[in-house]
N, C-alpha and C. Protein backbone atom coordinates (compact mmCIF):
# COMPACT_ATOMS: atom_id res chain seq x y z
N MET A 1 1.01 -1.03 -0.06
CA MET A 1 -0.01 0.06 0.06
C MET A 1 0.79 1.33 0.21
N ASP A 2 0.53 2.44 -0.77
CA ASP A 2 1.17 3.45 -0.79
C ASP A 2 0.29 4.63 -0.54
N LEU A 3 0.62 5.65 -0.71
CA LEU A 3 -0.09 7.01 -0.41
C LEU A 3 -1.22 7.28 -1.42
N ASN A 4 -0.68 6.74 -2.65
CA ASN A 4 -1.48 6.95 -3.97
C ASN A 4 -2.92 6.16 -4.00
N ASP A 5 -2.51 5.12 -3.30
CA ASP A 5 -3.51 4.05 -2.98
C ASP A 5 -4.74 5.10 -2.47
N PHE A 6 -4.57 6.02 -1.64
CA PHE A 6 -5.74 6.86 -1.13
C PHE A 6 -6.00 8.29 -1.57
N THR A 7 -5.73 7.91 -2.92
CA THR A 7 -6.00 9.48 -3.84
C THR A 7 -7.10 9.01 -4.98
N LYS A 8 -7.59 7.90 -4.55
CA LYS A 8 -7.73 7.01 -5.99
C LYS A 8 -9.57 6.82 -5.18
N PRO A 9 -10.62 6.82 -5.87
CA PRO A 9 -11.42 5.97 -5.32
C PRO A 9 -11.53 4.55 -5.13
N LEU A 10 -11.87 3.85 -4.01
CA LEU A 10 -12.60 2.74 -3.71
C LEU A 10 -12.99 1.86 -4.31
N GLN A 11 -12.19 0.86 -5.37
CA GLN A 11 -13.15 0.05 -6.19
C GLN A 11 -13.84 -0.94 -5.66
N LEU A 12 -15.05 -0.82 -5.48
CA LEU A 12 -15.79 -2.32 -4.81
C LEU A 12 -16.16 -3.23 -5.93
N ASN A 13 -16.24 -3.07 -6.92
CA ASN A 13 -16.20 -4.38 -7.67
C ASN A 13 -16.42 -3.44 -9.23
N ASP A 14 -16.45 -4.27 -10.50
CA ASP A 14 -16.18 -3.66 -11.56
C ASP A 14 -16.66 -2.67 -12.01
N THR A 15 -17.90 -2.12 -11.58
CA THR A 15 -18.53 -0.73 -11.98
C THR A 15 -19.07 0.22 -11.22
N THR A 16 -18.38 -0.25 -9.51
CA THR A 16 -18.60 0.52 -8.62
C THR A 16 -17.54 0.77 -7.84
N ARG A 17 -17.78 2.38 -7.34
CA ARG A 17 -16.65 3.08 -6.06
C ARG A 17 -17.03 3.64 -5.47
N LEU A 18 -16.38 3.94 -4.59
CA LEU A 18 -16.61 4.64 -3.39
C LEU A 18 -15.30 5.83 -3.26
N GLN A 19 -15.88 7.14 -3.30
CA GLN A 19 -14.95 8.61 -2.91
C GLN A 19 -15.06 8.96 -1.32
N ALA A 20 -13.96 9.11 -1.18
CA ALA A 20 -13.87 9.96 0.00
C ALA A 20 -13.71 11.43 -0.19
N ILE A 21 -14.42 12.31 0.49
CA ILE A 21 -14.56 14.01 -0.05
C ILE A 21 -14.68 14.61 1.43
N PHE A 22 -14.32 15.37 1.42
CA PHE A 22 -13.67 16.66 2.50
C PHE A 22 -13.85 17.92 2.36
N ASP A 23 -15.08 18.55 2.90
CA ASP A 23 -15.27 20.18 2.28
C ASP A 23 -14.81 20.61 3.46
N PRO A 24 -13.89 21.72 2.66
CA PRO A 24 -12.99 22.63 3.83
C PRO A 24 -13.85 23.51 4.14
N ALA A 25 -14.39 23.76 3.51
CA ALA A 25 -15.33 25.03 3.71
C ALA A 25 -16.07 24.84 4.97
N LEU A 26 -16.84 23.49 4.63
CA LEU A 26 -17.96 23.29 5.93
C LEU A 26 -17.40 22.50 6.73
N ARG A 27 -15.80 22.17 6.76
CA ARG A 27 -15.41 21.25 7.86
C ARG A 27 -16.16 19.81 8.00
N ARG A 28 -16.12 19.05 7.02
CA ARG A 28 -17.16 17.82 7.06
C ARG A 28 -17.04 17.32 6.03
N PHE A 29 -16.77 15.55 6.56
CA PHE A 29 -16.52 14.17 5.55
C PHE A 29 -17.88 14.21 4.69
N ARG A 30 -17.57 13.35 3.52
CA ARG A 30 -18.54 12.41 2.84
C ARG A 30 -18.26 11.50 2.21
N ALA A 31 -18.75 10.72 1.42
CA ALA A 31 -18.43 9.53 0.99
C ALA A 31 -19.79 9.78 -0.33
N GLN A 32 -18.90 9.30 -1.52
CA GLN A 32 -19.68 9.23 -2.72
C GLN A 32 -19.62 8.10 -3.63
N LEU A 33 -20.88 7.57 -3.47
CA LEU A 33 -21.01 6.47 -4.32
C LEU A 33 -21.38 6.65 -5.65
N TRP A 34 -20.94 5.71 -6.56
CA TRP A 34 -20.46 5.71 -8.12
C TRP A 34 -20.72 4.34 -8.67
N LYS A 35 -22.06 4.16 -9.51
CA LYS A 35 -22.03 3.13 -10.27
C LYS A 35 -21.89 3.75 -11.67
N ALA A 36 -21.44 2.72 -12.31
CA ALA A 36 -21.40 2.75 -13.77
C ALA A 36 -20.80 4.38 -14.33
N ASP A 37 -20.18 4.77 -13.57
CA ASP A 37 -19.67 6.26 -13.67
C ASP A 37 -20.51 7.01 -13.74
N GLU A 38 -21.48 6.98 -13.01
CA GLU A 38 -22.67 7.89 -12.30
C GLU A 38 -22.96 7.73 -11.26
N PRO A 39 -23.02 9.53 -10.46
CA PRO A 39 -23.51 9.58 -9.12
C PRO A 39 -24.38 8.56 -8.47
N ALA A 40 -24.24 7.82 -7.46
CA ALA A 40 -25.63 6.68 -7.33
C ALA A 40 -25.45 7.16 -5.60
N GLY A 41 -24.95 7.75 -5.02
CA GLY A 41 -25.25 8.39 -3.35
C GLY A 41 -24.19 8.92 -2.90
N LEU A 42 -24.80 9.86 -1.87
CA LEU A 42 -23.92 10.78 -0.96
C LEU A 42 -24.34 10.71 0.07
N LEU A 43 -23.06 10.13 0.99
CA LEU A 43 -23.62 9.83 2.75
C LEU A 43 -22.69 11.04 3.30
N GLY A 44 -23.51 12.00 3.95
CA GLY A 44 -22.73 12.90 4.62
C GLY A 44 -23.68 14.55 3.92
N LEU A 45 -25.03 14.28 2.88
CA LEU A 45 -25.36 15.38 2.84
C LEU A 45 -25.98 15.46 3.80
N ILE A 46 -26.94 15.32 4.46
CA ILE A 46 -27.89 15.43 5.08
C ILE A 46 -26.99 15.14 6.48
N GLU A 47 -26.42 13.84 6.98
CA GLU A 47 -25.83 14.01 8.01
C GLU A 47 -24.47 14.85 8.20
N VAL A 48 -24.02 15.48 9.56
CA VAL A 48 -22.67 16.02 9.91
C VAL A 48 -21.61 15.09 10.29
N PHE A 49 -20.47 15.05 9.59
CA PHE A 49 -19.71 14.06 9.81
C PHE A 49 -18.15 15.09 9.47
N THR A 50 -17.95 15.31 10.96
CA THR A 50 -16.75 15.64 11.61
C THR A 50 -15.36 15.10 11.83
N HIS A 51 -15.61 13.97 11.61
CA HIS A 51 -14.24 12.76 12.01
C HIS A 51 -14.59 11.71 10.69
N PRO A 52 -13.11 11.32 10.67
CA PRO A 52 -13.45 9.79 9.55
C PRO A 52 -14.21 8.69 10.70
N ASP A 53 -14.17 8.34 11.64
CA ASP A 53 -14.54 7.83 12.10
C ASP A 53 -16.27 7.63 12.35
N ASP A 54 -16.98 9.22 11.91
CA ASP A 54 -18.32 9.17 12.16
C ASP A 54 -18.38 8.56 10.78
N VAL A 55 -17.95 9.29 9.51
CA VAL A 55 -18.37 7.95 8.01
C VAL A 55 -18.08 6.67 8.33
N LEU A 56 -16.75 6.25 8.85
CA LEU A 56 -16.77 4.92 8.71
C LEU A 56 -17.84 4.11 9.96
N ASP A 57 -18.56 4.75 10.68
CA ASP A 57 -19.59 4.36 11.48
C ASP A 57 -20.66 3.95 10.67
N ALA A 58 -21.08 4.88 9.40
CA ALA A 58 -22.31 4.90 8.86
C ALA A 58 -22.14 4.40 7.06
N VAL A 59 -20.77 4.30 6.71
CA VAL A 59 -20.76 3.99 5.49
C VAL A 59 -21.26 2.21 5.23
N ASP A 60 -21.30 1.22 6.07
CA ASP A 60 -21.66 -0.07 5.66
C ASP A 60 -23.12 0.27 5.37
N GLU A 61 -23.82 0.70 6.21
CA GLU A 61 -25.72 0.93 6.15
C GLU A 61 -25.98 1.59 4.98
N PHE A 62 -25.11 2.63 4.72
CA PHE A 62 -25.07 3.51 3.76
C PHE A 62 -24.82 2.40 2.25
N LEU A 63 -24.06 1.35 2.26
CA LEU A 63 -23.98 0.93 1.10
C LEU A 63 -24.73 -0.12 1.06
N THR A 64 -25.18 -0.57 1.73
CA THR A 64 -26.44 -2.20 2.09
C THR A 64 -27.83 -1.27 1.51
N ALA A 65 -28.34 0.19 1.74
CA ALA A 65 -28.86 0.72 1.46
C ALA A 65 -29.11 1.05 -0.14
N HIS A 66 -28.15 0.96 -0.49
CA HIS A 66 -28.03 0.86 -2.12
C HIS A 66 -27.66 0.09 -2.85
N GLY A 67 -27.82 -1.26 -2.49
CA GLY A 67 -27.78 -2.64 -2.54
C GLY A 67 -25.80 -2.86 -2.76
N GLU A 68 -25.32 -2.58 -2.29
CA GLU A 68 -24.00 -2.97 -2.20
C GLU A 68 -23.80 -3.77 -0.86
N SER A 69 -22.51 -4.22 -0.82
CA SER A 69 -22.03 -5.25 0.39
C SER A 69 -21.37 -4.27 1.28
N PRO A 70 -21.28 -4.35 2.22
CA PRO A 70 -20.81 -3.66 3.72
C PRO A 70 -19.04 -3.91 3.14
N LEU A 71 -18.31 -2.73 3.58
CA LEU A 71 -17.00 -2.78 3.42
C LEU A 71 -16.63 -4.16 3.91
N THR A 72 -15.37 -4.57 3.24
CA THR A 72 -14.27 -5.89 4.05
C THR A 72 -13.37 -5.32 5.17
N LYS A 73 -12.50 -5.54 6.18
CA LYS A 73 -11.73 -5.14 6.42
C LYS A 73 -10.83 -4.61 6.24
N GLU A 74 -10.26 -4.84 5.22
CA GLU A 74 -8.99 -3.92 4.21
C GLU A 74 -9.78 -2.79 3.16
N GLN A 75 -10.72 -2.75 2.96
CA GLN A 75 -11.70 -1.89 2.54
C GLN A 75 -11.77 -0.92 3.40
N THR A 76 -11.83 -1.19 4.22
CA THR A 76 -12.22 0.02 5.55
C THR A 76 -10.99 0.28 6.11
N GLY A 77 -10.00 -0.35 5.93
CA GLY A 77 -8.76 0.35 6.08
C GLY A 77 -8.16 1.63 5.18
N ARG A 78 -8.55 0.98 4.19
CA ARG A 78 -8.02 1.94 2.93
C ARG A 78 -9.16 3.11 2.41
N PHE A 79 -10.30 2.93 3.21
CA PHE A 79 -11.09 4.18 3.11
C PHE A 79 -11.00 5.29 4.21
N ALA A 80 -10.57 4.42 5.11
CA ALA A 80 -10.08 5.40 6.38
C ALA A 80 -9.40 6.28 5.86
N GLY A 81 -7.85 5.89 5.12
CA GLY A 81 -6.84 6.54 4.56
C GLY A 81 -7.11 7.52 3.59
N MET A 82 -7.91 7.19 3.07
CA MET A 82 -8.83 7.94 2.02
C MET A 82 -9.35 9.09 2.71
N LEU A 83 -10.01 9.21 3.73
CA LEU A 83 -10.71 10.01 4.54
C LEU A 83 -9.77 11.30 4.74
N ILE A 84 -8.78 10.44 5.41
CA ILE A 84 -7.55 11.35 6.09
C ILE A 84 -6.42 11.94 5.16
N THR A 85 -6.73 11.47 4.05
CA THR A 85 -5.98 12.19 2.77
C THR A 85 -7.15 13.65 2.08
N ALA A 86 -7.72 12.96 1.90
CA ALA A 86 -9.00 13.86 1.40
C ALA A 86 -8.50 15.36 2.63
N LYS A 87 -8.78 15.15 3.68
CA LYS A 87 -8.69 16.28 4.48
C LYS A 87 -7.44 17.09 4.56
N GLY A 88 -6.27 16.05 4.34
CA GLY A 88 -5.15 16.57 4.69
C GLY A 88 -4.56 16.98 6.18
N GLY A 89 -3.47 17.63 6.21
CA GLY A 89 -2.86 18.53 7.12
C GLY A 89 -2.19 17.30 7.98
N PRO A 90 -2.01 18.09 9.54
CA PRO A 90 -1.33 16.99 10.36
C PRO A 90 -1.21 15.15 10.52
N ASP A 91 -2.37 14.98 10.87
CA ASP A 91 -3.26 13.59 10.41
C ASP A 91 -2.57 12.71 9.04
N ALA A 92 -2.78 13.29 8.07
CA ALA A 92 -2.31 12.89 6.52
C ALA A 92 -0.65 12.89 6.44
N GLU A 93 -0.40 14.14 7.26
CA GLU A 93 1.18 13.52 7.59
C GLU A 93 1.95 12.48 8.28
N MET A 94 1.07 12.25 9.60
CA MET A 94 1.27 11.74 10.51
C MET A 94 0.88 10.34 9.71
N LEU A 95 0.03 9.65 8.59
CA LEU A 95 -0.07 8.70 7.78
C LEU A 95 1.30 8.55 6.82
N ARG A 96 1.36 9.53 5.76
CA ARG A 96 2.32 9.68 4.92
C ARG A 96 3.65 8.53 6.02
N LEU A 97 3.73 9.52 7.01
CA LEU A 97 5.46 8.98 7.55
C LEU A 97 4.95 7.62 8.26
N ALA A 98 4.05 7.37 8.75
CA ALA A 98 3.80 5.69 9.00
C ALA A 98 3.62 4.95 7.99
N ILE A 99 3.57 5.32 6.38
CA ILE A 99 3.61 4.32 5.21
C ILE A 99 5.15 4.39 4.85
N GLU A 100 5.74 5.38 4.76
CA GLU A 100 6.61 5.81 4.17
C GLU A 100 8.00 5.35 4.70
N GLU A 101 7.99 5.88 6.12
CA GLU A 101 8.99 5.87 7.02
C GLU A 101 8.79 4.79 8.21
N PRO A 102 8.36 3.73 8.62
CA PRO A 102 7.57 3.28 9.31
C PRO A 102 8.40 3.21 10.49
N ASP A 103 10.00 2.97 10.26
CA ASP A 103 10.89 3.47 11.73
C ASP A 103 10.98 4.31 12.46
N LYS A 104 10.66 5.64 11.53
CA LYS A 104 10.86 6.79 12.49
C LYS A 104 9.16 7.32 12.81
N PHE A 105 8.54 6.20 12.71
CA PHE A 105 7.04 6.45 13.19
C PHE A 105 7.02 5.32 14.56
N LEU A 106 6.53 6.07 15.56
CA LEU A 106 6.66 5.03 17.01
C LEU A 106 4.96 4.72 17.15
N PHE A 107 4.83 3.37 16.93
CA PHE A 107 3.52 3.13 17.21
C PHE A 107 3.04 2.38 18.46
N PHE A 108 2.00 2.23 19.24
CA PHE A 108 1.60 2.33 20.54
C PHE A 108 0.98 0.86 20.46
């Protein structure tokens, strides 16, 4: 896994993908579902998600409501990284450091 994985949409199957979005003006996270290259749903349009964990807590129910399977553990981890990267800032820098230079990063 590298940082480029976090800047691309998460491919759920051949025709469906999930995009992490951060709106800096509203300081809110969203997840946009795409099917066959068309927008198919937006998680966070009504809900207020101020932290990546908020989106992760709701994304499986959102996907199920749109006829998709819940995220696997691997997909959840990748999508969490996508949300952090979408926002940028110190958390994204810590994620970059943990991936690119794990010997310089202290894990607890």
